[in-house]
C-alpha atoms as a PDB file:
ATOM      1  CA  MET A   1      69.242  76.767 -79.843  1.00  0.00           C
ATOM      2  CA  SER A   2      71.252  73.875 -78.601  1.00  0.00           C
ATOM      3  CA  PHE A   3      69.952  71.340 -75.787  1.00  0.00           C
ATOM      4  CA  GLU A   4      71.756  70.232 -72.742  1.00  0.00           C
ATOM      5  CA  ILE A   5      72.117  66.445 -71.464  1.00  0.00           C
ATOM      6  CA  GLU A   6      73.537  66.614 -68.319  1.00  0.00           C
ATOM      7  CA  ARG A   7      73.478  64.065 -64.832  1.00  0.00           C
ATOM      8  CA  ARG A   8      74.244  65.373 -61.555  1.00  0.00           C
ATOM      9  CA  PHE A   9      75.574  63.197 -58.358  1.00  0.00           C
ATOM     10  CA  LEU A  10      77.185  63.969 -55.099  1.00  0.00           C
ATOM     11  CA  VAL A  11      80.679  64.025 -54.835  1.00  0.00           C
ATOM     12  CA  CYS A  12      80.658  60.879 -51.864  1.00  0.00           C
ATOM     13  CA  GLN A  13      85.204  61.150 -51.847  1.00  0.00           C
ATOM     14  CA  ASP A  14      87.899  63.920 -51.089  1.00  0.00           C
ATOM     15  CA  VAL A  15      88.840  64.656 -54.854  1.00  0.00           C
ATOM     16  CA  ARG A  16      91.618  67.471 -53.653  1.00  0.00           C
ATOM     17  CA  HIS A  17      93.974  65.311 -55.198  1.00  0.00           C
ATOM     18  CA  PHE A  18      93.085  65.611 -58.563  1.00  0.00           C
ATOM     19  CA  CYS A  19      91.599  69.412 -58.835  1.00  0.00           C
ATOM     20  CA  ARG A  20      94.391  71.125 -58.605  1.00  0.00           C
ATOM     21  CA  HIS A  21      93.169  74.561 -61.545  1.00  0.00           C
ATOM     22  CA  GLY A  22      89.872  75.044 -61.728  1.00  0.00           C
ATOM     23  CA  ASP A  23      88.053  77.898 -62.987  1.00  0.00           C
ATOM     24  CA  ARG A  24      86.089  80.515 -60.785  1.00  0.00           C
ATOM     25  CA  ILE A  25      82.329  81.355 -61.280  1.00  0.00           C
ATOM     26  CA  VAL A  26      79.951  83.756 -59.809  1.00  0.00           C
ATOM     27  CA  GLN A  27      76.876  83.403 -61.361  1.00  0.00           C
ATOM     28  CA  GLY A  28      72.999  84.627 -60.414  1.00  0.00           C
ATOM     29  CA  TYR A  29      69.777  84.411 -61.904  1.00  0.00           C
ATOM     30  CA  ILE A  30      67.744  87.293 -63.573  1.00  0.00           C
ATOM     31  CA  SER A  31      64.989  85.036 -63.718  1.00  0.00           C
ATOM     32  CA  PHE A  32      63.396  81.977 -63.015  1.00  0.00           C
ATOM     33  CA  ASP A  33      60.553  79.670 -62.143  1.00  0.00           C
ATOM     34  CA  ASN A  34      60.695  78.741 -59.080  1.00  0.00           C
ATOM     35  CA  GLY A  35      58.985  75.249 -58.626  1.00  0.00           C
ATOM     36  CA  SER A  36      57.655  74.323 -61.474  1.00  0.00           C
ATOM     37  CA  GLY A  37      60.774  73.579 -63.639  1.00  0.00           C
ATOM     38  CA  GLY A  38      60.623  75.875 -66.053  1.00  0.00           C
ATOM     39  CA  GLN A  39      62.768  78.125 -67.860  1.00  0.00           C
ATOM     40  CA  LYS A  40      65.479  80.341 -66.200  1.00  0.00           C
ATOM     41  CA  ALA A  41      67.724  83.184 -67.269  1.00  0.00           C
ATOM     42  CA  ARG A  42      71.153  83.529 -65.593  1.00  0.00           C
ATOM     43  CA  VAL A  43      74.488  85.476 -65.941  1.00  0.00           C
ATOM     44  CA  ARG A  44      77.779  83.883 -65.009  1.00  0.00           C
ATOM     45  CA  ILE A  45      81.329  85.239 -64.461  1.00  0.00           C
ATOM     46  CA  ARG A  46      84.411  81.911 -65.245  1.00  0.00           C
ATOM     47  CA  ASN A  47      87.143  83.635 -64.582  1.00  0.00           C
ATOM     48  CA  ASP A  48      87.799  86.395 -66.857  1.00  0.00           C
ATOM     49  CA  GLN A  49      84.930  85.704 -69.473  1.00  0.00           C
ATOM     50  CA  ALA A  50      81.193  86.688 -69.202  1.00  0.00           C
ATOM     51  CA  PHE A  51      77.639  84.518 -70.541  1.00  0.00           C
ATOM     52  CA  LEU A  52      73.998  84.863 -70.382  1.00  0.00           C
ATOM     53  CA  THR A  53      72.295  81.817 -70.898  1.00  0.00           C
ATOM     54  CA  ILE A  54      68.583  80.785 -70.744  1.00  0.00           C
ATOM     55  CA  LYS A  55      67.524  77.459 -70.387  1.00  0.00           C
ATOM     56  CA  GLY A  56      63.572  75.954 -70.866  1.00  0.00           C
ATOM     57  CA  GLU A  57      62.078  73.325 -69.666  1.00  0.00           C
ATOM     58  CA  ARG A  58      63.983  69.642 -68.332  1.00  0.00           C
ATOM     59  CA  ARG A  59      61.980  67.145 -70.398  1.00  0.00           C
ATOM     60  CA  GLY A  60      63.451  64.174 -69.015  1.00  0.00           C
ATOM     61  CA  LEU A  61      67.050  64.300 -69.195  1.00  0.00           C
ATOM     62  CA  ILE A  62      66.722  67.225 -71.712  1.00  0.00           C
ATOM     63  CA  ARG A  63      66.335  70.771 -71.470  1.00  0.00           C
ATOM     64  CA  PRO A  64      66.883  73.385 -74.320  1.00  0.00           C
ATOM     65  CA  GLU A  65      70.023  75.961 -73.474  1.00  0.00           C
ATOM     66  CA  PHE A  66      70.417  79.426 -75.194  1.00  0.00           C
ATOM     67  CA  GLU A  67      73.770  80.466 -73.985  1.00  0.00           C
ATOM     68  CA  ARG A  68      76.035  83.572 -74.981  1.00  0.00           C
ATOM     69  CA  ALA A  69      79.349  85.903 -74.748  1.00  0.00           C
ATOM     70  CA  VAL A  70      78.074  88.735 -72.488  1.00  0.00           C
ATOM     71  CA  PRO A  71      80.610  91.948 -72.007  1.00  0.00           C
ATOM     72  CA  PHE A  72      82.512  91.390 -68.769  1.00  0.00           C
ATOM     73  CA  SER A  73      81.559  94.279 -67.105  1.00  0.00           C
ATOM     74  CA  TRP A  74      77.751  94.506 -68.335  1.00  0.00           C
ATOM     75  CA  ALA A  75      77.841  91.062 -66.483  1.00  0.00           C
ATOM     76  CA  SER A  76      79.686  91.870 -63.485  1.00  0.00           C
ATOM     77  CA  VAL A  77      76.665  95.610 -63.310  1.00  0.00           C
ATOM     78  CA  LEU A  78      74.217  92.950 -63.394  1.00  0.00           C
ATOM     79  CA  LEU A  79      75.691  90.467 -61.030  1.00  0.00           C
ATOM     80  CA  SER A  80      76.310  93.723 -58.397  1.00  0.00           C
ATOM     81  CA  ARG A  81      72.517  94.592 -58.405  1.00  0.00           C
ATOM     82  CA  LEU A  82      71.618  91.575 -57.457  1.00  0.00           C
ATOM     83  CA  PRO A  83      71.231  90.446 -53.349  1.00  0.00           C
ATOM     84  CA  PRO A  84      74.476  89.026 -52.645  1.00  0.00           C
ATOM     85  CA  GLU A  85      72.821  86.243 -50.698  1.00  0.00           C
ATOM     86  CA  THR A  86      71.887  84.625 -53.451  1.00  0.00           C
ATOM     87  CA  LEU A  87      74.944  84.518 -55.355  1.00  0.00           C
ATOM     88  CA  ILE A  88      76.263  81.492 -56.365  1.00  0.00           C
ATOM     89  CA  ARG A  89      80.277  80.955 -55.956  1.00  0.00           C
ATOM     90  CA  LYS A  90      82.096  77.766 -56.912  1.00  0.00           C
ATOM     91  CA  THR A  91      85.147  76.553 -58.356  1.00  0.00           C
ATOM     92  CA  ARG A  92      85.064  73.914 -61.162  1.00  0.00           C
ATOM     93  CA  TYR A  93      86.886  71.214 -61.970  1.00  0.00           C
ATOM     94  CA  GLU A  94      86.882  69.106 -65.299  1.00  0.00           C
ATOM     95  CA  VAL A  95      88.127  65.325 -64.892  1.00  0.00           C
ATOM     96  CA  GLY A  96      88.728  63.054 -67.273  1.00  0.00           C
ATOM     97  CA  PHE A  97      87.339  59.735 -66.566  1.00  0.00           C
ATOM     98  CA  ALA A  98      87.118  56.885 -68.942  1.00  0.00           C
ATOM     99  CA  GLY A  99      86.977  58.542 -71.963  1.00  0.00           C
ATOM    100  CA  MET A 100      84.548  61.714 -70.367  1.00  0.00           C
ATOM    101  CA  THR A 101      85.195  65.017 -69.053  1.00  0.00           C
ATOM    102  CA  TRP A 102      83.932  65.310 -65.564  1.00  0.00           C
ATOM    103  CA  GLU A 103      82.839  68.955 -64.487  1.00  0.00           C
ATOM    104  CA  ILE A 104      83.516  68.640 -60.446  1.00  0.00           C
ATOM    105  CA  ASP A 105      81.932  72.367 -58.986  1.00  0.00           C
ATOM    106  CA  VAL A 106      83.520  72.821 -55.377  1.00  0.00           C
ATOM    107  CA  PHE A 107      80.552  75.526 -53.672  1.00  0.00           C
ATOM    108  CA  ASP A 108      81.522  78.240 -51.530  1.00  0.00           C
ATOM    109  CA  GLY A 109      79.612  80.722 -48.814  1.00  0.00           C
ATOM    110  CA  ARG A 110      75.930  79.559 -47.828  1.00  0.00           C
ATOM    111  CA  ASN A 111      76.918  76.480 -50.318  1.00  0.00           C
ATOM    112  CA  SER A 112      79.974  75.478 -48.942  1.00  0.00           C
ATOM    113  CA  GLY A 113      80.623  72.113 -48.561  1.00  0.00           C
ATOM    114  CA  LEU A 114      78.747  71.188 -50.798  1.00  0.00           C
ATOM    115  CA  VAL A 115      80.681  69.067 -53.695  1.00  0.00           C
ATOM    116  CA  VAL A 116      78.680  67.919 -57.451  1.00  0.00           C
ATOM    117  CA  ALA A 117      79.623  66.196 -60.113  1.00  0.00           C
ATOM    118  CA  GLU A 118      77.800  66.433 -63.825  1.00  0.00           C
ATOM    119  CA  ILE A 119      78.610  64.664 -66.774  1.00  0.00           C
ATOM    120  CA  GLU A 120      77.347  66.462 -70.365  1.00  0.00           C
ATOM    121  CA  LEU A 121      76.090  63.767 -72.480  1.00  0.00           C
ATOM    122  CA  GLU A 122      75.670  63.779 -75.945  1.00  0.00           C
ATOM    123  CA  HIS A 123      72.175  61.681 -76.192  1.00  0.00           C
ATOM    124  CA  ALA A 124      70.030  60.288 -72.702  1.00  0.00           C
ATOM    125  CA  GLU A 125      70.737  56.548 -73.452  1.00  0.00           C
ATOM    126  CA  GLN A 126      74.057  57.203 -73.514  1.00  0.00           C
ATOM    127  CA  GLU A 127      76.077  54.559 -71.279  1.00  0.00           C
ATOM    128  CA  PHE A 128      79.338  55.488 -68.803  1.00  0.00           C
ATOM    129  CA  GLU A 129      81.089  54.479 -66.028  1.00  0.00           C
ATOM    130  CA  LEU A 130      80.831  55.597 -62.731  1.00  0.00           C
ATOM    131  CA  PRO A 131      83.943  56.973 -60.631  1.00  0.00           C
ATOM    132  CA  ASP A 132      84.283  55.865 -57.252  1.00  0.00           C
ATOM    133  CA  TRP A 133      84.318  59.264 -55.367  1.00  0.00           C
ATOM    134  CA  VAL A 134      80.817  60.142 -56.815  1.00  0.00           C
ATOM    135  CA  GLY A 135      78.000  58.589 -54.552  1.00  0.00           C
ATOM    136  CA  ALA A 136      73.798  60.194 -55.077  1.00  0.00           C
ATOM    137  CA  GLU A 137      72.922  60.814 -58.320  1.00  0.00           C
ATOM    138  CA  VAL A 138      70.800  63.771 -57.796  1.00  0.00           C
ATOM    139  CA  THR A 139      69.799  64.691 -61.336  1.00  0.00           C
ATOM    140  CA  PHE A 140      66.146  65.700 -60.805  1.00  0.00           C
ATOM    141  CA  ASP A 141      66.026  66.893 -57.329  1.00  0.00           C
ATOM    142  CA  GLU A 142      65.727  70.629 -57.249  1.00  0.00           C
ATOM    143  CA  ARG A 143      67.156  71.038 -53.691  1.00  0.00           C
ATOM    144  CA  TYR A 144      70.797  70.256 -56.063  1.00  0.00           C
ATOM    145  CA  GLY A 145      69.684  72.886 -58.880  1.00  0.00           C
ATOM    146  CA  ASN A 146      71.770  76.025 -58.885  1.00  0.00           C
ATOM    147  CA  SER A 147      68.826  78.167 -59.130  1.00  0.00           C
ATOM    148  CA  SER A 148      67.401  76.330 -56.053  1.00  0.00           C
ATOM    149  CA  LEU A 149      71.040  76.793 -54.490  1.00  0.00           C
ATOM    150  CA  ALA A 150      70.491  80.331 -54.651  1.00  0.00           C
ATOM    151  CA  VAL A 151      67.482  80.766 -52.780  1.00  0.00           C
ATOM    152  CA  ARG A 152      67.457  77.797 -50.522  1.00  0.00           C
ATOM    153  CA  PRO A 153      71.506  76.670 -49.917  1.00  0.00           C
ATOM    154  CA  VAL A 154      72.492  73.780 -47.828  1.00  0.00           C
ATOM    155  CA  SER A 155      72.895  76.160 -45.054  1.00  0.00           C
ATOM    156  CA  THR A 156      69.722  76.967 -45.024  1.00  0.00           C
ATOM    157  CA  TRP A 157      68.103  73.132 -44.554  1.00  0.00           C
ATOM    158  CA  PRO A 158      67.604  71.422 -42.149  1.00  0.00           C
ATOM    159  CA  ALA A 159      69.828  68.879 -40.224  1.00  0.00           C
ATOM    160  CA  ALA A 160      69.571  65.089 -41.310  1.00  0.00           C
ATOM    161  CA  ALA A 161      68.148  62.985 -38.226  1.00  0.00           C
END
């Protein structure tokens, strides 16, 4: 089992000028423990590849992660059996900045308008430079987790006062 160490931020500027060639992602959750940050099982199709991912409970920035490639046909059938409104649809762009690779997710559907940037780290204390196009950090804000967005998309959030 490996570990995921990532930080997530809202994107606060238009990044379309350097987000040219992205990967289409459709993913759904077949098991998750809402509210407690517990284990989650996800099926994802990224372009023409499919994956099963199981993520454990987050401890600080670190969470255990198990990911394996699965047959595309298997993932397609499984996703087709999930409620369509719970599927996460997004385009992911990889952008280099200050020697690091940032993943920018531009969400579609019920999460349209949401743009999140994340950076994978080698260790929890790793320092990195923030690009000027990132804003508020949402690493620990459960609302922005994909499994939360699947059941409580941004289109259902109350308008800011």
